[in-house]
Amino acid sequence: KKQLFANLVAQCTEVDAPVSAAPPAPLATYDVVLDAVFGFSFRGAPRPPFDALLEALATTTAPLVSVDTPSGWHVERGPPDAGAVLRPAVLVSLTAPKMCAACFRGRHYVGGRFVPPFIREKYDLRLPPYPGVAQIQELEAWGADGEG
């Protein structure tokens, strides 16, 4: 994993993308904040410097958009019992909503049009219809109050 991280840093450096352990300005100064810190395979309590970053994400007043699974959430059980808890305004699920999305309250989108029918059938994925050439679809009823 360390080599993967080193490769990602090198890739960012090659295209002059700044790499920092902290945001360059207070998060509340941004129009929107994208949460893509951890993926759905994240386990355990976050360690420095990520614990401070999750705390900043959890307390920002800027709208938060999480990709696939809000950082720090368990992919199946949802938000953690302790520590910073992210409550994004928007969730963008990749391929299909994860089980933790049932705990999410907000605008929920899924991008999964490219999933072949045999994969949909194999995993019993209930994906929305995609009109025209749309690649993403809003799920208007999701979680404990809707379908999911």
C-alpha atoms as a PDB file:
ATOM      1  CA  LYS A   1       0.000   0.000   0.000  1.00  0.00           C
ATOM      2  CA  LYS A   2       2.876   2.366   0.665  1.00  0.00           C
ATOM      3  CA  GLN A   3       4.048   1.948  -2.927  1.00  0.00           C
ATOM      4  CA  LEU A   4       0.551   2.686  -4.204  1.00  0.00           C
ATOM      5  CA  PHE A   5       0.477   5.885  -2.149  1.00  0.00           C
ATOM      6  CA  ALA A   6       3.953   6.858  -3.390  1.00  0.00           C
ATOM      7  CA  ASN A   7       2.795   6.287  -6.987  1.00  0.00           C
ATOM      8  CA  LEU A   8      -0.291   8.452  -6.452  1.00  0.00           C
ATOM      9  CA  VAL A   9       1.814  11.269  -4.971  1.00  0.00           C
ATOM     10  CA  ALA A  10       4.250  11.026  -7.891  1.00  0.00           C
ATOM     11  CA  GLN A  11       1.349  11.157 -10.351  1.00  0.00           C
ATOM     12  CA  CYS A  12      -0.045  14.301  -8.690  1.00  0.00           C
ATOM     13  CA  THR A  13       3.403  15.903  -8.648  1.00  0.00           C
ATOM     14  CA  GLU A  14       3.816  15.222 -12.376  1.00  0.00           C
ATOM     15  CA  VAL A  15       0.724  17.273 -13.184  1.00  0.00           C
ATOM     16  CA  ASP A  16       1.492  20.018 -10.648  1.00  0.00           C
ATOM     17  CA  ALA A  17      -1.388  19.013  -8.365  1.00  0.00           C
ATOM     18  CA  PRO A  18      -0.556  20.059  -4.792  1.00  0.00           C
ATOM     19  CA  VAL A  19      -0.305  17.275  -2.220  1.00  0.00           C
ATOM     20  CA  SER A  20      -0.897  18.216   1.403  1.00  0.00           C
ATOM     21  CA  ALA A  21      -1.980  16.581   4.649  1.00  0.00           C
ATOM     22  CA  ALA A  22      -4.297  19.552   5.288  1.00  0.00           C
ATOM     23  CA  PRO A  23      -6.657  21.561   3.110  1.00  0.00           C
ATOM     24  CA  PRO A  24      -5.139  24.805   1.769  1.00  0.00           C
ATOM     25  CA  ALA A  25      -7.954  26.908   3.292  1.00  0.00           C
ATOM     26  CA  PRO A  26     -10.747  26.376   5.854  1.00  0.00           C
ATOM     27  CA  LEU A  27     -13.308  24.025   4.339  1.00  0.00           C
ATOM     28  CA  ALA A  28     -16.158  26.468   4.968  1.00  0.00           C
ATOM     29  CA  THR A  29     -14.620  28.829   2.376  1.00  0.00           C
ATOM     30  CA  TYR A  30     -15.368  26.369  -0.438  1.00  0.00           C
ATOM     31  CA  ASP A  31     -18.662  26.184  -2.370  1.00  0.00           C
ATOM     32  CA  VAL A  32     -18.688  22.401  -2.016  1.00  0.00           C
ATOM     33  CA  VAL A  33     -16.343  19.839  -0.435  1.00  0.00           C
ATOM     34  CA  LEU A  34     -15.744  16.426  -2.004  1.00  0.00           C
ATOM     35  CA  ASP A  35     -15.207  13.506   0.380  1.00  0.00           C
ATOM     36  CA  ALA A  36     -13.254  10.720  -1.279  1.00  0.00           C
ATOM     37  CA  VAL A  37     -10.722  10.110   1.503  1.00  0.00           C
ATOM     38  CA  PHE A  38     -11.470   6.435   2.163  1.00  0.00           C
ATOM     39  CA  GLY A  39     -13.054   3.775  -0.007  1.00  0.00           C
ATOM     40  CA  PHE A  40     -15.630   1.182   0.972  1.00  0.00           C
ATOM     41  CA  SER A  41     -12.928  -1.222   2.197  1.00  0.00           C
ATOM     42  CA  PHE A  42     -11.920   1.132   5.059  1.00  0.00           C
ATOM     43  CA  ARG A  43     -11.827  -0.571   8.479  1.00  0.00           C
ATOM     44  CA  GLY A  44     -11.018   0.568  12.021  1.00  0.00           C
ATOM     45  CA  ALA A  45     -10.486   3.983  13.527  1.00  0.00           C
ATOM     46  CA  PRO A  46      -8.761   6.585  11.349  1.00  0.00           C
ATOM     47  CA  ARG A  47      -5.176   7.467  12.316  1.00  0.00           C
ATOM     48  CA  PRO A  48      -3.398  10.822  12.001  1.00  0.00           C
ATOM     49  CA  PRO A  49      -3.539  12.856   9.856  1.00  0.00           C
ATOM     50  CA  PHE A  50      -6.822  11.404   8.607  1.00  0.00           C
ATOM     51  CA  ASP A  51      -8.615  11.657  11.960  1.00  0.00           C
ATOM     52  CA  ALA A  52      -8.212  15.454  11.916  1.00  0.00           C
ATOM     53  CA  LEU A  53      -9.283  15.609   8.277  1.00  0.00           C
ATOM     54  CA  LEU A  54     -12.455  13.618   9.021  1.00  0.00           C
ATOM     55  CA  GLU A  55     -13.196  15.945  11.947  1.00  0.00           C
ATOM     56  CA  ALA A  56     -12.854  18.943   9.609  1.00  0.00           C
ATOM     57  CA  LEU A  57     -15.145  17.270   7.058  1.00  0.00           C
ATOM     58  CA  ALA A  58     -17.687  16.414   9.766  1.00  0.00           C
ATOM     59  CA  THR A  59     -17.874  19.985  11.074  1.00  0.00           C
ATOM     60  CA  THR A  60     -17.706  22.032   7.876  1.00  0.00           C
ATOM     61  CA  THR A  61     -20.638  24.234   6.982  1.00  0.00           C
ATOM     62  CA  ALA A  62     -19.902  23.811   3.253  1.00  0.00           C
ATOM     63  CA  PRO A  63     -22.057  21.214   1.467  1.00  0.00           C
ATOM     64  CA  LEU A  64     -20.329  17.828   1.599  1.00  0.00           C
ATOM     65  CA  VAL A  65     -20.516  15.333  -1.287  1.00  0.00           C
ATOM     66  CA  SER A  66     -19.328  11.791  -0.507  1.00  0.00           C
ATOM     67  CA  VAL A  67     -18.230   9.313  -3.161  1.00  0.00           C
ATOM     68  CA  ASP A  68     -19.516   5.725  -2.819  1.00  0.00           C
ATOM     69  CA  THR A  69     -19.318   5.503   0.994  1.00  0.00           C
ATOM     70  CA  PRO A  70     -18.907   8.467   3.361  1.00  0.00           C
ATOM     71  CA  SER A  71     -15.359   8.333   4.755  1.00  0.00           C
ATOM     72  CA  GLY A  72     -15.225   6.614   8.129  1.00  0.00           C
ATOM     73  CA  TRP A  73     -18.489   4.705   7.568  1.00  0.00           C
ATOM     74  CA  HIS A  74     -18.590   0.928   7.587  1.00  0.00           C
ATOM     75  CA  VAL A  75     -19.707  -0.254   4.141  1.00  0.00           C
ATOM     76  CA  GLU A  76     -22.477  -2.401   5.642  1.00  0.00           C
ATOM     77  CA  ARG A  77     -23.339  -0.900   9.059  1.00  0.00           C
ATOM     78  CA  GLY A  78     -23.080   2.814   8.256  1.00  0.00           C
ATOM     79  CA  PRO A  79     -21.738   5.630  10.436  1.00  0.00           C
ATOM     80  CA  PRO A  80     -19.263   4.892  13.230  1.00  0.00           C
ATOM     81  CA  ASP A  81     -20.349   4.780  16.876  1.00  0.00           C
ATOM     82  CA  ALA A  82     -17.501   7.077  17.959  1.00  0.00           C
ATOM     83  CA  GLY A  83     -15.281   9.756  16.477  1.00  0.00           C
ATOM     84  CA  ALA A  84     -16.075  12.086  13.595  1.00  0.00           C
ATOM     85  CA  VAL A  85     -19.291  11.204  11.772  1.00  0.00           C
ATOM     86  CA  LEU A  86     -19.728  12.598   8.291  1.00  0.00           C
ATOM     87  CA  ARG A  87     -23.260  13.617   7.294  1.00  0.00           C
ATOM     88  CA  PRO A  88     -22.944  14.486   3.603  1.00  0.00           C
ATOM     89  CA  ALA A  89     -25.623  16.433   1.776  1.00  0.00           C
ATOM     90  CA  VAL A  90     -25.076  14.282  -1.325  1.00  0.00           C
ATOM     91  CA  LEU A  91     -23.960  10.688  -1.835  1.00  0.00           C
ATOM     92  CA  VAL A  92     -22.786   9.453  -5.230  1.00  0.00           C
ATOM     93  CA  SER A  93     -22.780   5.638  -5.239  1.00  0.00           C
ATOM     94  CA  LEU A  94     -20.539   3.943  -7.776  1.00  0.00           C
ATOM     95  CA  THR A  95     -22.003   0.950  -9.651  1.00  0.00           C
ATOM     96  CA  ALA A  96     -24.677   0.333  -6.995  1.00  0.00           C
ATOM     97  CA  PRO A  97     -25.581   1.678  -3.544  1.00  0.00           C
ATOM     98  CA  LYS A  98     -23.738  -0.019  -0.692  1.00  0.00           C
ATOM     99  CA  MET A  99     -25.670  -1.302   2.343  1.00  0.00           C
ATOM    100  CA  CYS A 100     -24.575   1.700   4.426  1.00  0.00           C
ATOM    101  CA  ALA A 101     -26.572   3.960   2.087  1.00  0.00           C
ATOM    102  CA  ALA A 102     -29.679   2.861   4.014  1.00  0.00           C
ATOM    103  CA  CYS A 103     -28.401   5.130   6.842  1.00  0.00           C
ATOM    104  CA  PHE A 104     -27.910   8.095   4.515  1.00  0.00           C
ATOM    105  CA  ARG A 105     -30.277  11.084   4.452  1.00  0.00           C
ATOM    106  CA  GLY A 106     -29.846  13.502   1.568  1.00  0.00           C
ATOM    107  CA  ARG A 107     -29.686  13.547  -2.225  1.00  0.00           C
ATOM    108  CA  HIS A 108     -28.482  10.184  -3.505  1.00  0.00           C
ATOM    109  CA  TYR A 109     -27.186   9.467  -6.990  1.00  0.00           C
ATOM    110  CA  VAL A 110     -25.932   6.254  -8.562  1.00  0.00           C
ATOM    111  CA  GLY A 111     -23.686   5.793 -11.561  1.00  0.00           C
ATOM    112  CA  GLY A 112     -24.030   2.230 -12.776  1.00  0.00           C
ATOM    113  CA  ARG A 113     -25.404   2.194 -16.290  1.00  0.00           C
ATOM    114  CA  PHE A 114     -22.353   0.271 -17.468  1.00  0.00           C
ATOM    115  CA  VAL A 115     -23.198  -2.784 -15.314  1.00  0.00           C
ATOM    116  CA  PRO A 116     -23.815  -5.744 -17.672  1.00  0.00           C
ATOM    117  CA  PRO A 117     -27.111  -7.620 -17.251  1.00  0.00           C
ATOM    118  CA  PHE A 118     -25.399 -10.844 -16.091  1.00  0.00           C
ATOM    119  CA  ILE A 119     -23.721  -8.940 -13.207  1.00  0.00           C
ATOM    120  CA  ARG A 120     -27.055  -7.329 -12.263  1.00  0.00           C
ATOM    121  CA  GLU A 121     -28.633 -10.779 -12.140  1.00  0.00           C
ATOM    122  CA  LYS A 122     -25.731 -12.478 -10.340  1.00  0.00           C
ATOM    123  CA  TYR A 123     -25.760  -9.916  -7.481  1.00  0.00           C
ATOM    124  CA  ASP A 124     -29.489  -9.145  -7.617  1.00  0.00           C
ATOM    125  CA  LEU A 125     -28.746  -5.459  -8.225  1.00  0.00           C
ATOM    126  CA  ARG A 126     -31.831  -3.292  -8.437  1.00  0.00           C
ATOM    127  CA  LEU A 127     -30.549  -0.343 -10.435  1.00  0.00           C
ATOM    128  CA  PRO A 128     -32.702   2.456 -11.768  1.00  0.00           C
ATOM    129  CA  PRO A 129     -33.439   2.925 -15.457  1.00  0.00           C
ATOM    130  CA  TYR A 130     -31.120   5.414 -17.161  1.00  0.00           C
ATOM    131  CA  PRO A 131     -32.992   7.634 -19.631  1.00  0.00           C
ATOM    132  CA  GLY A 132     -31.382   8.433 -22.975  1.00  0.00           C
ATOM    133  CA  VAL A 133     -27.597   8.429 -22.646  1.00  0.00           C
ATOM    134  CA  ALA A 134     -27.548   9.370 -18.929  1.00  0.00           C
ATOM    135  CA  GLN A 135     -24.712   7.805 -16.921  1.00  0.00           C
ATOM    136  CA  ILE A 136     -26.007   8.833 -13.489  1.00  0.00           C
ATOM    137  CA  GLN A 137     -29.458   8.736 -11.934  1.00  0.00           C
ATOM    138  CA  GLU A 138     -30.887  10.286  -8.766  1.00  0.00           C
ATOM    139  CA  LEU A 139     -32.476   7.851  -6.321  1.00  0.00           C
ATOM    140  CA  GLU A 140     -35.369   9.831  -4.925  1.00  0.00           C
ATOM    141  CA  ALA A 141     -36.570   7.273  -2.350  1.00  0.00           C
ATOM    142  CA  TRP A 142     -33.776   5.609  -0.446  1.00  0.00           C
ATOM    143  CA  GLY A 143     -32.919   4.453   3.058  1.00  0.00           C
ATOM    144  CA  ALA A 144     -35.181   3.715   6.015  1.00  0.00           C
ATOM    145  CA  ASP A 145     -37.876   6.057   4.710  1.00  0.00           C
ATOM    146  CA  GLY A 146     -37.874   4.677   1.171  1.00  0.00           C
ATOM    147  CA  GLU A 147     -36.665   1.758  -0.828  1.00  0.00           C
ATOM    148  CA  GLY A 148     -33.216   0.302  -0.602  1.00  0.00           C
END
